[in-house]
């Protein structure tokens, strides 16, 4: 998937982000599965406490076009997490489910692929972790106006993506 350079989305202050997360934990985020399909470009990450990451890491992730691609699958969602460097692309693909009222986007990658342009150089099947060890994103907020999705990962870090809108011809 080709995409233009991504511009940074202004990040909310940590206190505001953590307040939205507390609200989401108590009342749920209201995010529905129908709102998730699309290409989400990673914009910003924070530590478990809401602290900014090492200087330059968000810029590097945007430069690598780190993305989360969600699409409707046969049962739930198909998920792709990928980074690109020049014509190289590293892609992890699998399946995801939305569970609970917060909700949790639980996922499992089933394959890894390294490609150059459209030529696959390496492809591997991945074993799924046990159900209780599945990775997840606890979805905090989907802001339709700003086109952003904010979540906390299983490891405790926070992330914000912006929806990539394809350019009209």
C-alpha atoms as a PDB file:
ATOM      1  CA  UNK A   1       0.000   0.000   0.000  1.00  0.00           C
ATOM      2  CA  UNK A   2       1.500   3.334  -1.011  1.00  0.00           C
ATOM      3  CA  UNK A   3       0.840   6.356   1.153  1.00  0.00           C
ATOM      4  CA  UNK A   4       2.106   9.919   1.177  1.00  0.00           C
ATOM      5  CA  UNK A   5       4.318  11.332   3.902  1.00  0.00           C
ATOM      6  CA  UNK A   6       2.327  11.742   7.080  1.00  0.00           C
ATOM      7  CA  UNK A   7       2.157  15.024   8.943  1.00  0.00           C
ATOM      8  CA  UNK A   8       2.062  14.939  12.711  1.00  0.00           C
ATOM      9  CA  UNK A   9      -1.245  15.280  14.498  1.00  0.00           C
ATOM     10  CA  UNK A  10      -0.931  17.526  17.573  1.00  0.00           C
ATOM     11  CA  UNK A  11      -0.860  15.258  20.615  1.00  0.00           C
ATOM     12  CA  UNK A  12      -3.125  15.909  23.580  1.00  0.00           C
ATOM     13  CA  UNK A  13      -1.483  16.676  26.911  1.00  0.00           C
ATOM     14  CA  UNK A  14      -0.871  13.550  28.978  1.00  0.00           C
ATOM     15  CA  UNK A  15      -3.312  14.549  31.739  1.00  0.00           C
ATOM     16  CA  UNK A  16      -6.134  14.979  29.208  1.00  0.00           C
ATOM     17  CA  UNK A  17      -5.337  11.636  27.580  1.00  0.00           C
ATOM     18  CA  UNK A  18      -5.289   9.796  30.911  1.00  0.00           C
ATOM     19  CA  UNK A  19      -8.585  11.447  31.937  1.00  0.00           C
ATOM     20  CA  UNK A  20     -10.217  10.208  28.717  1.00  0.00           C
ATOM     21  CA  UNK A  21      -8.866   6.738  29.474  1.00  0.00           C
ATOM     22  CA  UNK A  22     -10.354   6.757  33.005  1.00  0.00           C
ATOM     23  CA  UNK A  23     -13.709   7.808  31.543  1.00  0.00           C
ATOM     24  CA  UNK A  24     -13.487   5.030  28.943  1.00  0.00           C
ATOM     25  CA  UNK A  25     -12.767   2.441  31.641  1.00  0.00           C
ATOM     26  CA  UNK A  26     -15.862   3.438  33.614  1.00  0.00           C
ATOM     27  CA  UNK A  27     -18.369   4.221  30.869  1.00  0.00           C
ATOM     28  CA  UNK A  28     -16.896   2.499  27.828  1.00  0.00           C
ATOM     29  CA  UNK A  29     -15.665   4.262  24.715  1.00  0.00           C
ATOM     30  CA  UNK A  30     -18.715   3.533  22.584  1.00  0.00           C
ATOM     31  CA  UNK A  31     -16.477   2.412  19.697  1.00  0.00           C
ATOM     32  CA  UNK A  32     -18.276   0.009  17.372  1.00  0.00           C
ATOM     33  CA  UNK A  33     -16.706  -2.493  14.985  1.00  0.00           C
ATOM     34  CA  UNK A  34     -18.203  -0.625  11.993  1.00  0.00           C
ATOM     35  CA  UNK A  35     -16.075   2.448  12.834  1.00  0.00           C
ATOM     36  CA  UNK A  36     -12.714   0.657  12.756  1.00  0.00           C
ATOM     37  CA  UNK A  37     -12.072  -0.501   9.179  1.00  0.00           C
ATOM     38  CA  UNK A  38      -9.490   1.598   7.392  1.00  0.00           C
ATOM     39  CA  UNK A  39      -5.816   2.417   7.363  1.00  0.00           C
ATOM     40  CA  UNK A  40      -4.625   4.015  10.603  1.00  0.00           C
ATOM     41  CA  UNK A  41      -1.206   5.710  10.514  1.00  0.00           C
ATOM     42  CA  UNK A  42       0.660   5.777  13.822  1.00  0.00           C
ATOM     43  CA  UNK A  43       1.175   9.366  14.954  1.00  0.00           C
ATOM     44  CA  UNK A  44       2.256   9.345  18.584  1.00  0.00           C
ATOM     45  CA  UNK A  45       3.135   7.021  21.447  1.00  0.00           C
ATOM     46  CA  UNK A  46       3.413   7.560  25.186  1.00  0.00           C
ATOM     47  CA  UNK A  47       4.718   5.484  28.079  1.00  0.00           C
ATOM     48  CA  UNK A  48       2.510   3.656  30.553  1.00  0.00           C
ATOM     49  CA  UNK A  49       2.270   6.879  32.617  1.00  0.00           C
ATOM     50  CA  UNK A  50       1.546   9.160  29.670  1.00  0.00           C
ATOM     51  CA  UNK A  51       5.137  10.412  29.407  1.00  0.00           C
ATOM     52  CA  UNK A  52       6.478  11.283  25.963  1.00  0.00           C
ATOM     53  CA  UNK A  53       8.694   8.629  24.347  1.00  0.00           C
ATOM     54  CA  UNK A  54      12.365   9.094  23.568  1.00  0.00           C
ATOM     55  CA  UNK A  55      12.947  12.173  21.378  1.00  0.00           C
ATOM     56  CA  UNK A  56      12.497  11.431  17.697  1.00  0.00           C
ATOM     57  CA  UNK A  57      10.739   8.076  18.106  1.00  0.00           C
ATOM     58  CA  UNK A  58       7.328   9.400  16.975  1.00  0.00           C
ATOM     59  CA  UNK A  59       9.000  11.073  13.997  1.00  0.00           C
ATOM     60  CA  UNK A  60      10.770   7.813  13.127  1.00  0.00           C
ATOM     61  CA  UNK A  61       7.512   5.831  13.318  1.00  0.00           C
ATOM     62  CA  UNK A  62       5.773   8.327  11.035  1.00  0.00           C
ATOM     63  CA  UNK A  63       8.740   8.272   8.655  1.00  0.00           C
ATOM     64  CA  UNK A  64       8.526   4.451   8.550  1.00  0.00           C
ATOM     65  CA  UNK A  65       4.798   4.826   7.827  1.00  0.00           C
ATOM     66  CA  UNK A  66       3.889   2.549  10.746  1.00  0.00           C
ATOM     67  CA  UNK A  67       0.287   1.595  10.188  1.00  0.00           C
ATOM     68  CA  UNK A  68      -2.572  -0.480  11.506  1.00  0.00           C
ATOM     69  CA  UNK A  69      -4.934  -1.669   8.778  1.00  0.00           C
ATOM     70  CA  UNK A  70      -8.303  -3.076   9.793  1.00  0.00           C
ATOM     71  CA  UNK A  71     -10.865  -4.599   7.443  1.00  0.00           C
ATOM     72  CA  UNK A  72     -14.037  -6.636   7.857  1.00  0.00           C
ATOM     73  CA  UNK A  73     -13.262 -10.339   7.711  1.00  0.00           C
ATOM     74  CA  UNK A  74     -15.514 -13.359   7.493  1.00  0.00           C
ATOM     75  CA  UNK A  75     -16.204 -13.396  11.238  1.00  0.00           C
ATOM     76  CA  UNK A  76     -14.664 -10.281  12.799  1.00  0.00           C
ATOM     77  CA  UNK A  77     -11.745  -8.151  11.585  1.00  0.00           C
ATOM     78  CA  UNK A  78      -8.603  -8.796   9.607  1.00  0.00           C
ATOM     79  CA  UNK A  79      -5.608  -6.891  10.968  1.00  0.00           C
ATOM     80  CA  UNK A  80      -2.327  -5.804   9.402  1.00  0.00           C
ATOM     81  CA  UNK A  81       0.475  -4.001  11.192  1.00  0.00           C
ATOM     82  CA  UNK A  82       3.266  -2.797   8.925  1.00  0.00           C
ATOM     83  CA  UNK A  83       6.242  -0.492   8.474  1.00  0.00           C
ATOM     84  CA  UNK A  84       7.893   0.596   5.216  1.00  0.00           C
ATOM     85  CA  UNK A  85      11.383   1.813   4.418  1.00  0.00           C
ATOM     86  CA  UNK A  86      11.879   2.923   0.811  1.00  0.00           C
ATOM     87  CA  UNK A  87      10.474  -0.005  -1.202  1.00  0.00           C
ATOM     88  CA  UNK A  88      10.842  -2.510   1.672  1.00  0.00           C
ATOM     89  CA  UNK A  89       7.764  -3.450   3.683  1.00  0.00           C
ATOM     90  CA  UNK A  90       7.534  -5.588   6.833  1.00  0.00           C
ATOM     91  CA  UNK A  91       3.971  -6.741   7.380  1.00  0.00           C
ATOM     92  CA  UNK A  92       2.296  -8.789  10.105  1.00  0.00           C
ATOM     93  CA  UNK A  93      -1.197 -10.092   9.251  1.00  0.00           C
ATOM     94  CA  UNK A  94      -3.862 -11.858  11.257  1.00  0.00           C
ATOM     95  CA  UNK A  95      -7.300 -11.653  12.806  1.00  0.00           C
ATOM     96  CA  UNK A  96      -8.875  -9.417  15.465  1.00  0.00           C
ATOM     97  CA  UNK A  97     -12.015  -9.333  17.572  1.00  0.00           C
ATOM     98  CA  UNK A  98     -13.705  -6.498  19.415  1.00  0.00           C
ATOM     99  CA  UNK A  99     -14.750  -7.526  22.951  1.00  0.00           C
ATOM    100  CA  UNK A 100     -16.435  -5.750  25.831  1.00  0.00           C
ATOM    101  CA  UNK A 101     -17.789  -2.243  26.313  1.00  0.00           C
ATOM    102  CA  UNK A 102     -14.465  -0.437  26.587  1.00  0.00           C
ATOM    103  CA  UNK A 103     -13.781  -2.326  24.149  1.00  0.00           C
ATOM    104  CA  UNK A 104     -10.663  -4.455  23.703  1.00  0.00           C
ATOM    105  CA  UNK A 105      -9.370  -5.084  20.186  1.00  0.00           C
ATOM    106  CA  UNK A 106      -7.833  -8.534  20.712  1.00  0.00           C
ATOM    107  CA  UNK A 107      -5.674  -9.838  17.889  1.00  0.00           C
ATOM    108  CA  UNK A 108      -3.328 -12.560  16.759  1.00  0.00           C
ATOM    109  CA  UNK A 109      -0.886 -12.376  13.875  1.00  0.00           C
ATOM    110  CA  UNK A 110      -0.771 -15.501  11.719  1.00  0.00           C
ATOM    111  CA  UNK A 111       1.858 -14.466   9.161  1.00  0.00           C
ATOM    112  CA  UNK A 112       4.858 -12.206   8.657  1.00  0.00           C
ATOM    113  CA  UNK A 113       5.989 -10.988   5.245  1.00  0.00           C
ATOM    114  CA  UNK A 114       8.982  -9.008   4.049  1.00  0.00           C
ATOM    115  CA  UNK A 115       8.698  -7.592   0.544  1.00  0.00           C
ATOM    116  CA  UNK A 116      10.559  -5.354  -1.870  1.00  0.00           C
ATOM    117  CA  UNK A 117       8.106  -3.432  -4.066  1.00  0.00           C
ATOM    118  CA  UNK A 118       5.515  -6.148  -4.747  1.00  0.00           C
ATOM    119  CA  UNK A 119       8.031  -9.031  -4.652  1.00  0.00           C
ATOM    120  CA  UNK A 120       7.743 -11.189  -1.510  1.00  0.00           C
ATOM    121  CA  UNK A 121      11.246 -11.907  -0.184  1.00  0.00           C
ATOM    122  CA  UNK A 122      10.310 -13.799   2.966  1.00  0.00           C
ATOM    123  CA  UNK A 123       7.055 -15.155   4.321  1.00  0.00           C
ATOM    124  CA  UNK A 124       6.532 -17.051   7.579  1.00  0.00           C
ATOM    125  CA  UNK A 125       3.540 -18.523   9.379  1.00  0.00           C
ATOM    126  CA  UNK A 126       3.346 -17.450  13.018  1.00  0.00           C
ATOM    127  CA  UNK A 127       1.996 -19.488  15.899  1.00  0.00           C
ATOM    128  CA  UNK A 128      -0.835 -17.916  17.865  1.00  0.00           C
ATOM    129  CA  UNK A 129      -0.354 -17.291  21.590  1.00  0.00           C
ATOM    130  CA  UNK A 130      -2.699 -18.884  24.106  1.00  0.00           C
ATOM    131  CA  UNK A 131      -6.028 -17.055  24.467  1.00  0.00           C
ATOM    132  CA  UNK A 132      -5.076 -15.525  27.832  1.00  0.00           C
ATOM    133  CA  UNK A 133      -1.839 -14.116  26.303  1.00  0.00           C
ATOM    134  CA  UNK A 134      -3.345 -12.564  23.165  1.00  0.00           C
ATOM    135  CA  UNK A 135      -2.130  -9.032  22.469  1.00  0.00           C
ATOM    136  CA  UNK A 136      -4.767  -6.309  22.559  1.00  0.00           C
ATOM    137  CA  UNK A 137      -5.464  -2.626  22.319  1.00  0.00           C
ATOM    138  CA  UNK A 138      -7.846  -1.201  24.936  1.00  0.00           C
ATOM    139  CA  UNK A 139      -9.637   1.359  22.765  1.00  0.00           C
ATOM    140  CA  UNK A 140      -9.921   4.695  24.545  1.00  0.00           C
ATOM    141  CA  UNK A 141     -11.321   7.064  21.960  1.00  0.00           C
ATOM    142  CA  UNK A 142     -12.212   7.261  18.284  1.00  0.00           C
ATOM    143  CA  UNK A 143     -12.577  10.931  17.378  1.00  0.00           C
ATOM    144  CA  UNK A 144     -14.410  11.038  14.030  1.00  0.00           C
ATOM    145  CA  UNK A 145     -13.905  14.815  13.638  1.00  0.00           C
ATOM    146  CA  UNK A 146     -10.139  14.636  14.047  1.00  0.00           C
ATOM    147  CA  UNK A 147      -9.898  11.176  12.459  1.00  0.00           C
ATOM    148  CA  UNK A 148      -7.924   9.767  15.401  1.00  0.00           C
ATOM    149  CA  UNK A 149      -7.939   6.509  17.329  1.00  0.00           C
ATOM    150  CA  UNK A 150      -6.301   6.274  20.767  1.00  0.00           C
ATOM    151  CA  UNK A 151      -5.587   3.035  22.640  1.00  0.00           C
ATOM    152  CA  UNK A 152      -3.459   1.378  25.320  1.00  0.00           C
ATOM    153  CA  UNK A 153      -1.608  -1.793  24.358  1.00  0.00           C
ATOM    154  CA  UNK A 154      -1.203  -4.945  26.422  1.00  0.00           C
ATOM    155  CA  UNK A 155       2.335  -3.822  27.330  1.00  0.00           C
ATOM    156  CA  UNK A 156       0.978  -0.611  28.879  1.00  0.00           C
ATOM    157  CA  UNK A 157       2.011   1.941  26.267  1.00  0.00           C
ATOM    158  CA  UNK A 158      -0.412   4.415  24.736  1.00  0.00           C
ATOM    159  CA  UNK A 159      -0.715   5.070  21.013  1.00  0.00           C
ATOM    160  CA  UNK A 160      -2.628   7.389  18.719  1.00  0.00           C
ATOM    161  CA  UNK A 161      -3.268   6.783  15.033  1.00  0.00           C
ATOM    162  CA  UNK A 162      -4.835   9.020  12.407  1.00  0.00           C
ATOM    163  CA  UNK A 163      -7.102   7.641   9.710  1.00  0.00           C
ATOM    164  CA  UNK A 164      -5.418   7.728   6.311  1.00  0.00           C
ATOM    165  CA  UNK A 165      -7.806   9.096   3.738  1.00  0.00           C
ATOM    166  CA  UNK A 166      -6.888   8.119   0.180  1.00  0.00           C
ATOM    167  CA  UNK A 167      -6.464  11.072  -2.117  1.00  0.00           C
ATOM    168  CA  UNK A 168      -9.262  11.609  -4.620  1.00  0.00           C
ATOM    169  CA  UNK A 169      -8.311  11.275  -8.292  1.00  0.00           C
END
